[in-house]
Amino acid sequence: MEEKRKHKRLDLDVSIQLEKLEEGDFTNLKYIRVKVTDISRSGIGFISDQELKVGTYYDTRIEIWTKEIIDSVLEIVRQDPIGDGKYKYGCIFVGMTDTDALKIDIYQIFNDV
């Protein structure tokens, strides 16, 4: 199968917090903890027991391997039920600084060595 992704996925053992972005600049302050399965410069995959809708946006805080925090906005683009009331999600980053994206790139370089 041909790889269509622009950026290589990395396995990462971290958790993130999601804060749903609502229309009209109103945010729902309920944080959702998820289990990250992979991350790349362009997106992230995770598992959650919360049902989230495709096409929704979330403010997210990702604590990476160096204990630094990456702040980003992500859009849920895929949802797959995996049983036991859990879902696997695929998301793309729609708002991330170049500096934070570079942190992911640097991790990939060290991970490949």
PDB file of N, CA and C in Angstrom:
ATOM      1  N   MET A   1       0.840  -1.181   0.000  1.00  0.00           N
ATOM      2  CA  MET A   1       0.000   0.000   0.000  1.00  0.00           C
ATOM      3  C   MET A   1       0.887   1.247   0.000  1.00  0.00           C
ATOM      4  N   GLU A   2       0.567   2.198  -0.845  1.00  0.00           N
ATOM      5  CA  GLU A   2       1.359   3.412  -0.971  1.00  0.00           C
ATOM      6  C   GLU A   2       1.058   4.370   0.182  1.00  0.00           C
ATOM      7  N   GLU A   3       2.119   4.937   0.762  1.00  0.00           N
ATOM      8  CA  GLU A   3       1.988   5.902   1.850  1.00  0.00           C
ATOM      9  C   GLU A   3       1.599   7.248   1.253  1.00  0.00           C
ATOM     10  N   LYS A   4       0.474   7.818   1.728  1.00  0.00           N
ATOM     11  CA  LYS A   4      -0.014   9.081   1.192  1.00  0.00           C
ATOM     12  C   LYS A   4       0.293  10.264   2.102  1.00  0.00           C
ATOM     13  N   ARG A   5       0.791   9.987   3.297  1.00  0.00           N
ATOM     14  CA  ARG A   5       1.064  11.063   4.236  1.00  0.00           C
ATOM     15  C   ARG A   5       2.300  11.850   3.837  1.00  0.00           C
ATOM     16  N   LYS A   6       2.259  13.162   4.088  1.00  0.00           N
ATOM     17  CA  LYS A   6       3.408  14.011   3.819  1.00  0.00           C
ATOM     18  C   LYS A   6       4.475  13.834   4.889  1.00  0.00           C
ATOM     19  N   HIS A   7       4.062  13.521   6.105  1.00  0.00           N
ATOM     20  CA  HIS A   7       4.982  13.448   7.234  1.00  0.00           C
ATOM     21  C   HIS A   7       4.879  12.091   7.914  1.00  0.00           C
ATOM     22  N   LYS A   8       6.014  11.557   8.313  1.00  0.00           N
ATOM     23  CA  LYS A   8       6.067  10.261   8.963  1.00  0.00           C
ATOM     24  C   LYS A   8       5.399  10.309  10.325  1.00  0.00           C
ATOM     25  N   ARG A   9       4.602   9.277  10.625  1.00  0.00           N
ATOM     26  CA  ARG A   9       3.966   9.170  11.939  1.00  0.00           C
ATOM     27  C   ARG A   9       4.968   8.645  12.948  1.00  0.00           C
ATOM     28  N   LEU A  10       4.890   9.174  14.158  1.00  0.00           N
ATOM     29  CA  LEU A  10       5.750   8.722  15.244  1.00  0.00           C
ATOM     30  C   LEU A  10       4.885   8.177  16.364  1.00  0.00           C
ATOM     31  N   ASP A  11       5.287   7.058  16.930  1.00  0.00           N
ATOM     32  CA  ASP A  11       4.602   6.554  18.119  1.00  0.00           C
ATOM     33  C   ASP A  11       5.024   7.421  19.286  1.00  0.00           C
ATOM     34  N   LEU A  12       4.087   7.743  20.149  1.00  0.00           N
ATOM     35  CA  LEU A  12       4.371   8.663  21.237  1.00  0.00           C
ATOM     36  C   LEU A  12       3.513   8.299  22.424  1.00  0.00           C
ATOM     37  N   ASP A  13       4.112   8.136  23.568  1.00  0.00           N
ATOM     38  CA  ASP A  13       3.381   7.768  24.774  1.00  0.00           C
ATOM     39  C   ASP A  13       3.135   9.002  25.620  1.00  0.00           C
ATOM     40  N   VAL A  14       2.150   9.808  25.229  1.00  0.00           N
ATOM     41  CA  VAL A  14       1.792  11.005  25.979  1.00  0.00           C
ATOM     42  C   VAL A  14       0.270  11.112  26.016  1.00  0.00           C
ATOM     43  N   SER A  15      -0.204  11.997  26.846  1.00  0.00           N
ATOM     44  CA  SER A  15      -1.624  12.321  26.879  1.00  0.00           C
ATOM     45  C   SER A  15      -1.796  13.781  26.495  1.00  0.00           C
ATOM     46  N   ILE A  16      -2.964  14.087  25.972  1.00  0.00           N
ATOM     47  CA  ILE A  16      -3.257  15.472  25.625  1.00  0.00           C
ATOM     48  C   ILE A  16      -4.578  15.874  26.252  1.00  0.00           C
ATOM     49  N   GLN A  17      -4.793  17.171  26.345  1.00  0.00           N
ATOM     50  CA  GLN A  17      -6.066  17.701  26.800  1.00  0.00           C
ATOM     51  C   GLN A  17      -6.728  18.387  25.613  1.00  0.00           C
ATOM     52  N   LEU A  18      -8.021  18.146  25.445  1.00  0.00           N
ATOM     53  CA  LEU A  18      -8.778  18.782  24.380  1.00  0.00           C
ATOM     54  C   LEU A  18      -9.820  19.704  24.985  1.00  0.00           C
ATOM     55  N   GLU A  19      -9.962  20.877  24.411  1.00  0.00           N
ATOM     56  CA  GLU A  19     -11.000  21.822  24.814  1.00  0.00           C
ATOM     57  C   GLU A  19     -11.761  22.190  23.553  1.00  0.00           C
ATOM     58  N   LYS A  20     -13.049  21.833  23.511  1.00  0.00           N
ATOM     59  CA  LYS A  20     -13.844  22.039  22.301  1.00  0.00           C
ATOM     60  C   LYS A  20     -14.020  23.520  22.012  1.00  0.00           C
ATOM     61  N   LEU A  21     -13.814  23.880  20.747  1.00  0.00           N
ATOM     62  CA  LEU A  21     -14.046  25.246  20.292  1.00  0.00           C
ATOM     63  C   LEU A  21     -15.459  25.317  19.721  1.00  0.00           C
ATOM     64  N   GLU A  22     -16.245  26.201  20.264  1.00  0.00           N
ATOM     65  CA  GLU A  22     -17.633  26.374  19.831  1.00  0.00           C
ATOM     66  C   GLU A  22     -17.734  27.598  18.944  1.00  0.00           C
ATOM     67  N   GLU A  23     -18.805  27.685  18.201  1.00  0.00           N
ATOM     68  CA  GLU A  23     -19.044  28.863  17.375  1.00  0.00           C
ATOM     69  C   GLU A  23     -19.252  30.080  18.261  1.00  0.00           C
ATOM     70  N   GLY A  24     -18.899  31.252  17.746  1.00  0.00           N
ATOM     71  CA  GLY A  24     -19.099  32.485  18.495  1.00  0.00           C
ATOM     72  C   GLY A  24     -18.062  32.688  19.592  1.00  0.00           C
ATOM     73  N   ASP A  25     -16.863  32.108  19.430  1.00  0.00           N
ATOM     74  CA  ASP A  25     -15.769  32.253  20.384  1.00  0.00           C
ATOM     75  C   ASP A  25     -16.097  31.749  21.779  1.00  0.00           C
ATOM     76  N   PHE A  26     -17.130  30.953  21.927  1.00  0.00           N
ATOM     77  CA  PHE A  26     -17.459  30.354  23.222  1.00  0.00           C
ATOM     78  C   PHE A  26     -16.767  29.004  23.304  1.00  0.00           C
ATOM     79  N   THR A  27     -16.116  28.750  24.403  1.00  0.00           N
ATOM     80  CA  THR A  27     -15.463  27.452  24.552  1.00  0.00           C
ATOM     81  C   THR A  27     -16.099  26.670  25.678  1.00  0.00           C
ATOM     82  N   ASN A  28     -16.153  25.387  25.479  1.00  0.00           N
ATOM     83  CA  ASN A  28     -16.630  24.471  26.506  1.00  0.00           C
ATOM     84  C   ASN A  28     -15.406  24.121  27.343  1.00  0.00           C
ATOM     85  N   LEU A  29     -15.418  24.417  28.628  1.00  0.00           N
ATOM     86  CA  LEU A  29     -14.241  24.255  29.454  1.00  0.00           C
ATOM     87  C   LEU A  29     -14.013  22.833  29.926  1.00  0.00           C
ATOM     88  N   LYS A  30     -14.788  21.888  29.426  1.00  0.00           N
ATOM     89  CA  LYS A  30     -14.599  20.491  29.791  1.00  0.00           C
ATOM     90  C   LYS A  30     -13.398  19.923  29.035  1.00  0.00           C
ATOM     91  N   TYR A  31     -12.407  19.488  29.790  1.00  0.00           N
ATOM     92  CA  TYR A  31     -11.228  18.895  29.179  1.00  0.00           C
ATOM     93  C   TYR A  31     -11.421  17.400  29.000  1.00  0.00           C
ATOM     94  N   ILE A  32     -10.934  16.889  27.914  1.00  0.00           N
ATOM     95  CA  ILE A  32     -11.039  15.469  27.599  1.00  0.00           C
ATOM     96  C   ILE A  32      -9.621  14.903  27.545  1.00  0.00           C
ATOM     97  N   ARG A  33      -9.354  13.865  28.318  1.00  0.00           N
ATOM     98  CA  ARG A  33      -8.047  13.208  28.286  1.00  0.00           C
ATOM     99  C   ARG A  33      -8.129  12.060  27.284  1.00  0.00           C
ATOM    100  N   VAL A  34      -7.093  11.930  26.494  1.00  0.00           N
ATOM    101  CA  VAL A  34      -7.055  10.883  25.481  1.00  0.00           C
ATOM    102  C   VAL A  34      -5.691  10.198  25.526  1.00  0.00           C
ATOM    103  N   LYS A  35      -5.583   9.070  24.851  1.00  0.00           N
ATOM    104  CA  LYS A  35      -4.325   8.340  24.734  1.00  0.00           C
ATOM    105  C   LYS A  35      -3.817   8.492  23.308  1.00  0.00           C
ATOM    106  N   VAL A  36      -2.701   9.198  23.152  1.00  0.00           N
ATOM    107  CA  VAL A  36      -2.122   9.435  21.835  1.00  0.00           C
ATOM    108  C   VAL A  36      -1.523   8.136  21.306  1.00  0.00           C
ATOM    109  N   THR A  37      -1.811   7.816  20.034  1.00  0.00           N
ATOM    110  CA  THR A  37      -1.245   6.619  19.415  1.00  0.00           C
ATOM    111  C   THR A  37      -0.128   6.962  18.440  1.00  0.00           C
ATOM    112  N   ASP A  38      -0.201   8.119  17.806  1.00  0.00           N
ATOM    113  CA  ASP A  38       0.856   8.556  16.893  1.00  0.00           C
ATOM    114  C   ASP A  38       0.719  10.049  16.642  1.00  0.00           C
ATOM    115  N   ILE A  39       1.833  10.636  16.218  1.00  0.00           N
ATOM    116  CA  ILE A  39       1.845  12.072  15.944  1.00  0.00           C
ATOM    117  C   ILE A  39       2.811  12.331  14.803  1.00  0.00           C
ATOM    118  N   SER A  40       2.496  13.339  14.006  1.00  0.00           N
ATOM    119  CA  SER A  40       3.402  13.794  12.955  1.00  0.00           C
ATOM    120  C   SER A  40       3.295  15.310  12.913  1.00  0.00           C
ATOM    121  N   ARG A  41       4.077  15.905  12.060  1.00  0.00           N
ATOM    122  CA  ARG A  41       4.048  17.364  11.928  1.00  0.00           C
ATOM    123  C   ARG A  41       2.656  17.841  11.496  1.00  0.00           C
ATOM    124  N   SER A  42       1.930  16.999  10.765  1.00  0.00           N
ATOM    125  CA  SER A  42       0.652  17.438  10.211  1.00  0.00           C
ATOM    126  C   SER A  42      -0.574  16.970  10.986  1.00  0.00           C
ATOM    127  N   GLY A  43      -0.409  16.001  11.902  1.00  0.00           N
ATOM    128  CA  GLY A  43      -1.597  15.527  12.609  1.00  0.00           C
ATOM    129  C   GLY A  43      -1.283  14.590  13.755  1.00  0.00           C
ATOM    130  N   ILE A  44      -2.351  14.064  14.343  1.00  0.00           N
ATOM    131  CA  ILE A  44      -2.235  13.232  15.530  1.00  0.00           C
ATOM    132  C   ILE A  44      -3.344  12.186  15.527  1.00  0.00           C
ATOM    133  N   GLY A  45      -3.052  11.034  16.077  1.00  0.00           N
ATOM    134  CA  GLY A  45      -4.051   9.981  16.255  1.00  0.00           C
ATOM    135  C   GLY A  45      -4.177   9.684  17.737  1.00  0.00           C
ATOM    136  N   PHE A  46      -5.395   9.406  18.183  1.00  0.00           N
ATOM    137  CA  PHE A  46      -5.579   9.088  19.597  1.00  0.00           C
ATOM    138  C   PHE A  46      -6.798   8.214  19.802  1.00  0.00           C
ATOM    139  N   ILE A  47      -6.879   7.633  20.994  1.00  0.00           N
ATOM    140  CA  ILE A  47      -8.008   6.808  21.410  1.00  0.00           C
ATOM    141  C   ILE A  47      -8.680   7.504  22.586  1.00  0.00           C
ATOM    142  N   SER A  48     -10.018   7.488  22.574  1.00  0.00           N
ATOM    143  CA  SER A  48     -10.785   8.111  23.654  1.00  0.00           C
ATOM    144  C   SER A  48     -12.073   7.336  23.881  1.00  0.00           C
ATOM    145  N   ASP A  49     -12.581   7.424  25.103  1.00  0.00           N
ATOM    146  CA  ASP A  49     -13.887   6.822  25.377  1.00  0.00           C
ATOM    147  C   ASP A  49     -15.001   7.859  25.207  1.00  0.00           C
ATOM    148  N   GLN A  50     -14.638   9.077  24.793  1.00  0.00           N
ATOM    149  CA  GLN A  50     -15.609  10.126  24.487  1.00  0.00           C
ATOM    150  C   GLN A  50     -15.923  10.076  22.990  1.00  0.00           C
ATOM    151  N   GLU A  51     -17.198  10.199  22.643  1.00  0.00           N
ATOM    152  CA  GLU A  51     -17.556  10.256  21.231  1.00  0.00           C
ATOM    153  C   GLU A  51     -17.465  11.702  20.764  1.00  0.00           C
ATOM    154  N   LEU A  52     -16.568  11.949  19.822  1.00  0.00           N
ATOM    155  CA  LEU A  52     -16.339  13.282  19.274  1.00  0.00           C
ATOM    156  C   LEU A  52     -16.755  13.272  17.809  1.00  0.00           C
ATOM    157  N   LYS A  53     -17.273  14.380  17.347  1.00  0.00           N
ATOM    158  CA  LYS A  53     -17.781  14.439  15.981  1.00  0.00           C
ATOM    159  C   LYS A  53     -16.704  14.842  14.984  1.00  0.00           C
ATOM    160  N   VAL A  54     -16.734  14.173  13.831  1.00  0.00           N
ATOM    161  CA  VAL A  54     -15.859  14.551  12.726  1.00  0.00           C
ATOM    162  C   VAL A  54     -16.223  15.965  12.300  1.00  0.00           C
ATOM    163  N   GLY A  55     -15.202  16.775  12.018  1.00  0.00           N
ATOM    164  CA  GLY A  55     -15.431  18.151  11.598  1.00  0.00           C
ATOM    165  C   GLY A  55     -15.435  19.148  12.742  1.00  0.00           C
ATOM    166  N   THR A  56     -15.250  18.673  13.979  1.00  0.00           N
ATOM    167  CA  THR A  56     -15.187  19.585  15.117  1.00  0.00           C
ATOM    168  C   THR A  56     -13.738  19.967  15.395  1.00  0.00           C
ATOM    169  N   TYR A  57     -13.570  21.106  16.054  1.00  0.00           N
ATOM    170  CA  TYR A  57     -12.248  21.666  16.339  1.00  0.00           C
ATOM    171  C   TYR A  57     -12.016  21.699  17.841  1.00  0.00           C
ATOM    172  N   TYR A  58     -10.758  21.459  18.218  1.00  0.00           N
ATOM    173  CA  TYR A  58     -10.383  21.451  19.628  1.00  0.00           C
ATOM    174  C   TYR A  58      -9.075  22.181  19.831  1.00  0.00           C
ATOM    175  N   ASP A  59      -9.055  23.008  20.872  1.00  0.00           N
ATOM    176  CA  ASP A  59      -7.812  23.562  21.366  1.00  0.00           C
ATOM    177  C   ASP A  59      -7.130  22.429  22.106  1.00  0.00           C
ATOM    178  N   THR A  60      -5.867  22.236  21.894  1.00  0.00           N
ATOM    179  CA  THR A  60      -5.204  21.120  22.552  1.00  0.00           C
ATOM    180  C   THR A  60      -3.863  21.521  23.142  1.00  0.00           C
ATOM    181  N   ARG A  61      -3.531  20.872  24.229  1.00  0.00           N
ATOM    182  CA  ARG A  61      -2.230  21.029  24.882  1.00  0.00           C
ATOM    183  C   ARG A  61      -1.595  19.648  24.914  1.00  0.00           C
ATOM    184  N   ILE A  62      -0.485  19.522  24.208  1.00  0.00           N
ATOM    185  CA  ILE A  62       0.209  18.242  24.101  1.00  0.00           C
ATOM    186  C   ILE A  62       1.510  18.335  24.896  1.00  0.00           C
ATOM    187  N   GLU A  63       1.646  17.470  25.891  1.00  0.00           N
ATOM    188  CA  GLU A  63       2.913  17.409  26.618  1.00  0.00           C
ATOM    189  C   GLU A  63       3.793  16.397  25.906  1.00  0.00           C
ATOM    190  N   ILE A  64       4.907  16.877  25.355  1.00  0.00           N
ATOM    191  CA  ILE A  64       5.770  16.006  24.571  1.00  0.00           C
ATOM    192  C   ILE A  64       6.864  15.383  25.445  1.00  0.00           C
ATOM    193  N   TRP A  65       7.678  14.538  24.820  1.00  0.00           N
ATOM    194  CA  TRP A  65       8.707  13.745  25.492  1.00  0.00           C
ATOM    195  C   TRP A  65       9.670  14.578  26.314  1.00  0.00           C
ATOM    196  N   THR A  66       9.864  15.855  25.971  1.00  0.00           N
ATOM    197  CA  THR A  66      10.781  16.721  26.715  1.00  0.00           C
ATOM    198  C   THR A  66      10.066  17.438  27.855  1.00  0.00           C
ATOM    199  N   LYS A  67       8.796  17.119  28.059  1.00  0.00           N
ATOM    200  CA  LYS A  67       7.916  17.743  29.052  1.00  0.00           C
ATOM    201  C   LYS A  67       7.517  19.164  28.667  1.00  0.00           C
ATOM    202  N   GLU A  68       7.841  19.580  27.437  1.00  0.00           N
ATOM    203  CA  GLU A  68       7.385  20.863  26.929  1.00  0.00           C
ATOM    204  C   GLU A  68       5.933  20.717  26.481  1.00  0.00           C
ATOM    205  N   ILE A  69       5.223  21.830  26.422  1.00  0.00           N
ATOM    206  CA  ILE A  69       3.825  21.843  26.002  1.00  0.00           C
ATOM    207  C   ILE A  69       3.724  22.447  24.602  1.00  0.00           C
ATOM    208  N   ILE A  70       3.023  21.735  23.719  1.00  0.00           N
ATOM    209  CA  ILE A  70       2.700  22.263  22.395  1.00  0.00           C
ATOM    210  C   ILE A  70       1.221  22.633  22.413  1.00  0.00           C
ATOM    211  N   ASP A  71       0.930  23.880  22.102  1.00  0.00           N
ATOM    212  CA  ASP A  71      -0.455  24.345  21.982  1.00  0.00           C
ATOM    213  C   ASP A  71      -0.823  24.338  20.513  1.00  0.00           C
ATOM    214  N   SER A  72      -1.997  23.786  20.199  1.00  0.00           N
ATOM    215  CA  SER A  72      -2.413  23.708  18.807  1.00  0.00           C
ATOM    216  C   SER A  72      -3.932  23.639  18.733  1.00  0.00           C
ATOM    217  N   VAL A  73      -4.445  23.881  17.543  1.00  0.00           N
ATOM    218  CA  VAL A  73      -5.850  23.626  17.245  1.00  0.00           C
ATOM    219  C   VAL A  73      -5.866  22.448  16.292  1.00  0.00           C
ATOM    220  N   LEU A  74      -6.747  21.488  16.563  1.00  0.00           N
ATOM    221  CA  LEU A  74      -6.848  20.341  15.674  1.00  0.00           C
ATOM    222  C   LEU A  74      -8.279  20.157  15.220  1.00  0.00           C
ATOM    223  N   GLU A  75      -8.407  19.514  14.058  1.00  0.00           N
ATOM    224  CA  GLU A  75      -9.719  19.172  13.506  1.00  0.00           C
ATOM    225  C   GLU A  75      -9.810  17.655  13.429  1.00  0.00           C
ATOM    226  N   ILE A  76     -10.917  17.120  13.908  1.00  0.00           N
ATOM    227  CA  ILE A  76     -11.142  15.681  13.825  1.00  0.00           C
ATOM    228  C   ILE A  76     -11.595  15.359  12.408  1.00  0.00           C
ATOM    229  N   VAL A  77     -10.843  14.485  11.737  1.00  0.00           N
ATOM    230  CA  VAL A  77     -11.165  14.147  10.350  1.00  0.00           C
ATOM    231  C   VAL A  77     -11.581  12.691  10.183  1.00  0.00           C
ATOM    232  N   ARG A  78     -11.356  11.862  11.206  1.00  0.00           N
ATOM    233  CA  ARG A  78     -11.743  10.451  11.118  1.00  0.00           C
ATOM    234  C   ARG A  78     -12.106   9.928  12.502  1.00  0.00           C
ATOM    235  N   GLN A  79     -13.139   9.080  12.549  1.00  0.00           N
ATOM    236  CA  GLN A  79     -13.558   8.434  13.797  1.00  0.00           C
ATOM    237  C   GLN A  79     -13.881   6.979  13.485  1.00  0.00           C
ATOM    238  N   ASP A  80     -13.250   6.061  14.218  1.00  0.00           N
ATOM    239  CA  ASP A  80     -13.500   4.634  14.029  1.00  0.00           C
ATOM    240  C   ASP A  80     -13.795   3.995  15.376  1.00  0.00           C
ATOM    241  N   PRO A  81     -14.977   3.388  15.562  1.00  0.00           N
ATOM    242  CA  PRO A  81     -15.240   2.668  16.806  1.00  0.00           C
ATOM    243  C   PRO A  81     -14.322   1.448  16.898  1.00  0.00           C
ATOM    244  N   ILE A  82     -13.744   1.216  18.083  1.00  0.00           N
ATOM    245  CA  ILE A  82     -12.833   0.071  18.237  1.00  0.00           C
ATOM    246  C   ILE A  82     -13.313  -0.902  19.308  1.00  0.00           C
ATOM    247  N   GLY A  83     -14.528  -0.704  19.816  1.00  0.00           N
ATOM    248  CA  GLY A  83     -15.084  -1.607  20.814  1.00  0.00           C
ATOM    249  C   GLY A  83     -14.880  -1.101  22.232  1.00  0.00           C
ATOM    250  N   ASP A  84     -15.595  -1.710  23.161  1.00  0.00           N
ATOM    251  CA  ASP A  84     -15.540  -1.328  24.577  1.00  0.00           C
ATOM    252  C   ASP A  84     -15.843   0.148  24.802  1.00  0.00           C
ATOM    253  N   GLY A  85     -16.676   0.737  23.932  1.00  0.00           N
ATOM    254  CA  GLY A  85     -17.042   2.144  24.087  1.00  0.00           C
ATOM    255  C   GLY A  85     -15.914   3.102  23.776  1.00  0.00           C
ATOM    256  N   LYS A  86     -14.900   2.637  23.034  1.00  0.00           N
ATOM    257  CA  LYS A  86     -13.763   3.494  22.691  1.00  0.00           C
ATOM    258  C   LYS A  86     -13.735   3.765  21.199  1.00  0.00           C
ATOM    259  N   TYR A  87     -13.098   4.879  20.868  1.00  0.00           N
ATOM    260  CA  TYR A  87     -12.994   5.316  19.480  1.00  0.00           C
ATOM    261  C   TYR A  87     -11.556   5.690  19.164  1.00  0.00           C
ATOM    262  N   LYS A  88     -11.155   5.412  17.916  1.00  0.00           N
ATOM    263  CA  LYS A  88      -9.851   5.838  17.413  1.00  0.00           C
ATOM    264  C   LYS A  88     -10.097   7.025  16.508  1.00  0.00           C
ATOM    265  N   TYR A  89      -9.353   8.113  16.742  1.00  0.00           N
ATOM    266  CA  TYR A  89      -9.535   9.350  15.990  1.00  0.00           C
ATOM    267  C   TYR A  89      -8.286   9.702  15.204  1.00  0.00           C
ATOM    268  N   GLY A  90      -8.516  10.292  14.042  1.00  0.00           N
ATOM    269  CA  GLY A  90      -7.458  10.883  13.240  1.00  0.00           C
ATOM    270  C   GLY A  90      -7.730  12.365  13.135  1.00  0.00           C
ATOM    271  N   CYS A  91      -6.723  13.171  13.381  1.00  0.00           N
ATOM    272  CA  CYS A  91      -6.889  14.625  13.397  1.00  0.00           C
ATOM    273  C   CYS A  91      -5.758  15.292  12.625  1.00  0.00           C
ATOM    274  N   ILE A  92      -6.059  16.469  12.103  1.00  0.00           N
ATOM    275  CA  ILE A  92      -5.021  17.279  11.476  1.00  0.00           C
ATOM    276  C   ILE A  92      -4.845  18.544  12.304  1.00  0.00           C
ATOM    277  N   PHE A  93      -3.618  19.029  12.339  1.00  0.00           N
ATOM    278  CA  PHE A  93      -3.344  20.298  13.010  1.00  0.00           C
ATOM    279  C   PHE A  93      -3.734  21.420  12.063  1.00  0.00           C
ATOM    280  N   VAL A  94      -4.571  22.330  12.524  1.00  0.00           N
ATOM    281  CA  VAL A  94      -4.956  23.476  11.708  1.00  0.00           C
ATOM    282  C   VAL A  94      -4.386  24.764  12.287  1.00  0.00           C
ATOM    283  N   GLY A  95      -3.736  24.666  13.399  1.00  0.00           N
ATOM    284  CA  GLY A  95      -3.093  25.814  14.017  1.00  0.00           C
ATOM    285  C   GLY A  95      -1.961  25.357  14.912  1.00  0.00           C
ATOM    286  N   MET A  96      -0.726  25.546  14.441  1.00  0.00           N
ATOM    287  CA  MET A  96       0.449  25.192  15.237  1.00  0.00           C
ATOM    288  C   MET A  96       1.586  26.099  14.782  1.00  0.00           C
ATOM    289  N   THR A  97       2.365  26.593  15.733  1.00  0.00           N
ATOM    290  CA  THR A  97       3.486  27.447  15.357  1.00  0.00           C
ATOM    291  C   THR A  97       4.566  26.622  14.682  1.00  0.00           C
ATOM    292  N   ASP A  98       5.376  27.277  13.876  1.00  0.00           N
ATOM    293  CA  ASP A  98       6.499  26.598  13.226  1.00  0.00           C
ATOM    294  C   ASP A  98       7.466  26.039  14.263  1.00  0.00           C
ATOM    295  N   THR A  99       7.635  26.758  15.368  1.00  0.00           N
ATOM    296  CA  THR A  99       8.529  26.305  16.437  1.00  0.00           C
ATOM    297  C   THR A  99       8.045  24.986  17.019  1.00  0.00           C
ATOM    298  N   ASP A 100       6.736  24.869  17.267  1.00  0.00           N
ATOM    299  CA  ASP A 100       6.197  23.627  17.822  1.00  0.00           C
ATOM    300  C   ASP A 100       6.280  22.484  16.806  1.00  0.00           C
ATOM    301  N   ALA A 101       6.022  22.782  15.532  1.00  0.00           N
ATOM    302  CA  ALA A 101       6.141  21.746  14.494  1.00  0.00           C
ATOM    303  C   ALA A 101       7.587  21.264  14.397  1.00  0.00           C
ATOM    304  N   LEU A 102       8.537  22.174  14.579  1.00  0.00           N
ATOM    305  CA  LEU A 102       9.948  21.818  14.546  1.00  0.00           C
ATOM    306  C   LEU A 102      10.305  20.856  15.684  1.00  0.00           C
ATOM    307  N   LYS A 103       9.670  21.001  16.836  1.00  0.00           N
ATOM    308  CA  LYS A 103       9.914  20.087  17.959  1.00  0.00           C
ATOM    309  C   LYS A 103       9.556  18.650  17.573  1.00  0.00           C
ATOM    310  N   ILE A 104       8.477  18.489  16.825  1.00  0.00           N
ATOM    311  CA  ILE A 104       8.077  17.156  16.360  1.00  0.00           C
ATOM    312  C   ILE A 104       9.101  16.640  15.348  1.00  0.00           C
ATOM    313  N   ASP A 105       9.552  17.517  14.449  1.00  0.00           N
ATOM    314  CA  ASP A 105      10.570  17.122  13.464  1.00  0.00           C
ATOM    315  C   ASP A 105      11.859  16.667  14.147  1.00  0.00           C
ATOM    316  N   ILE A 106      12.284  17.400  15.165  1.00  0.00           N
ATOM    317  CA  ILE A 106      13.515  17.053  15.889  1.00  0.00           C
ATOM    318  C   ILE A 106      13.368  15.693  16.555  1.00  0.00           C
ATOM    319  N   TYR A 107      12.207  15.435  17.154  1.00  0.00           N
ATOM    320  CA  TYR A 107      11.985  14.130  17.771  1.00  0.00           C
ATOM    321  C   TYR A 107      12.085  13.029  16.720  1.00  0.00           C
ATOM    322  N   GLN A 108      11.543  13.275  15.547  1.00  0.00           N
ATOM    323  CA  GLN A 108      11.582  12.269  14.477  1.00  0.00           C
ATOM    324  C   GLN A 108      13.027  11.962  14.097  1.00  0.00           C
ATOM    325  N   ILE A 109      13.872  12.987  14.001  1.00  0.00           N
ATOM    326  CA  ILE A 109      15.276  12.791  13.653  1.00  0.00           C
ATOM    327  C   ILE A 109      15.954  11.897  14.688  1.00  0.00           C
ATOM    328  N   PHE A 110      15.749  12.176  15.972  1.00  0.00           N
ATOM    329  CA  PHE A 110      16.361  11.374  17.028  1.00  0.00           C
ATOM    330  C   PHE A 110      15.766   9.974  17.084  1.00  0.00           C
ATOM    331  N   ASN A 111      14.494   9.856  16.764  1.00  0.00           N
ATOM    332  CA  ASN A 111      13.823   8.555  16.781  1.00  0.00           C
ATOM    333  C   ASN A 111      14.334   7.653  15.662  1.00  0.00           C
ATOM    334  N   ASP A 112      14.733   8.244  14.531  1.00  0.00           N
ATOM    335  CA  ASP A 112      15.205   7.482  13.382  1.00  0.00           C
ATOM    336  C   ASP A 112      16.639   7.001  13.530  1.00  0.00           C
ATOM    337  N   VAL A 113      17.401   7.615  14.444  1.00  0.00           N
ATOM    338  CA  VAL A 113      18.828   7.269  14.613  1.00  0.00           C
ATOM    339  C   VAL A 113      18.989   5.938  15.305  1.00  0.00           C
TER     340      VAL A 113
END
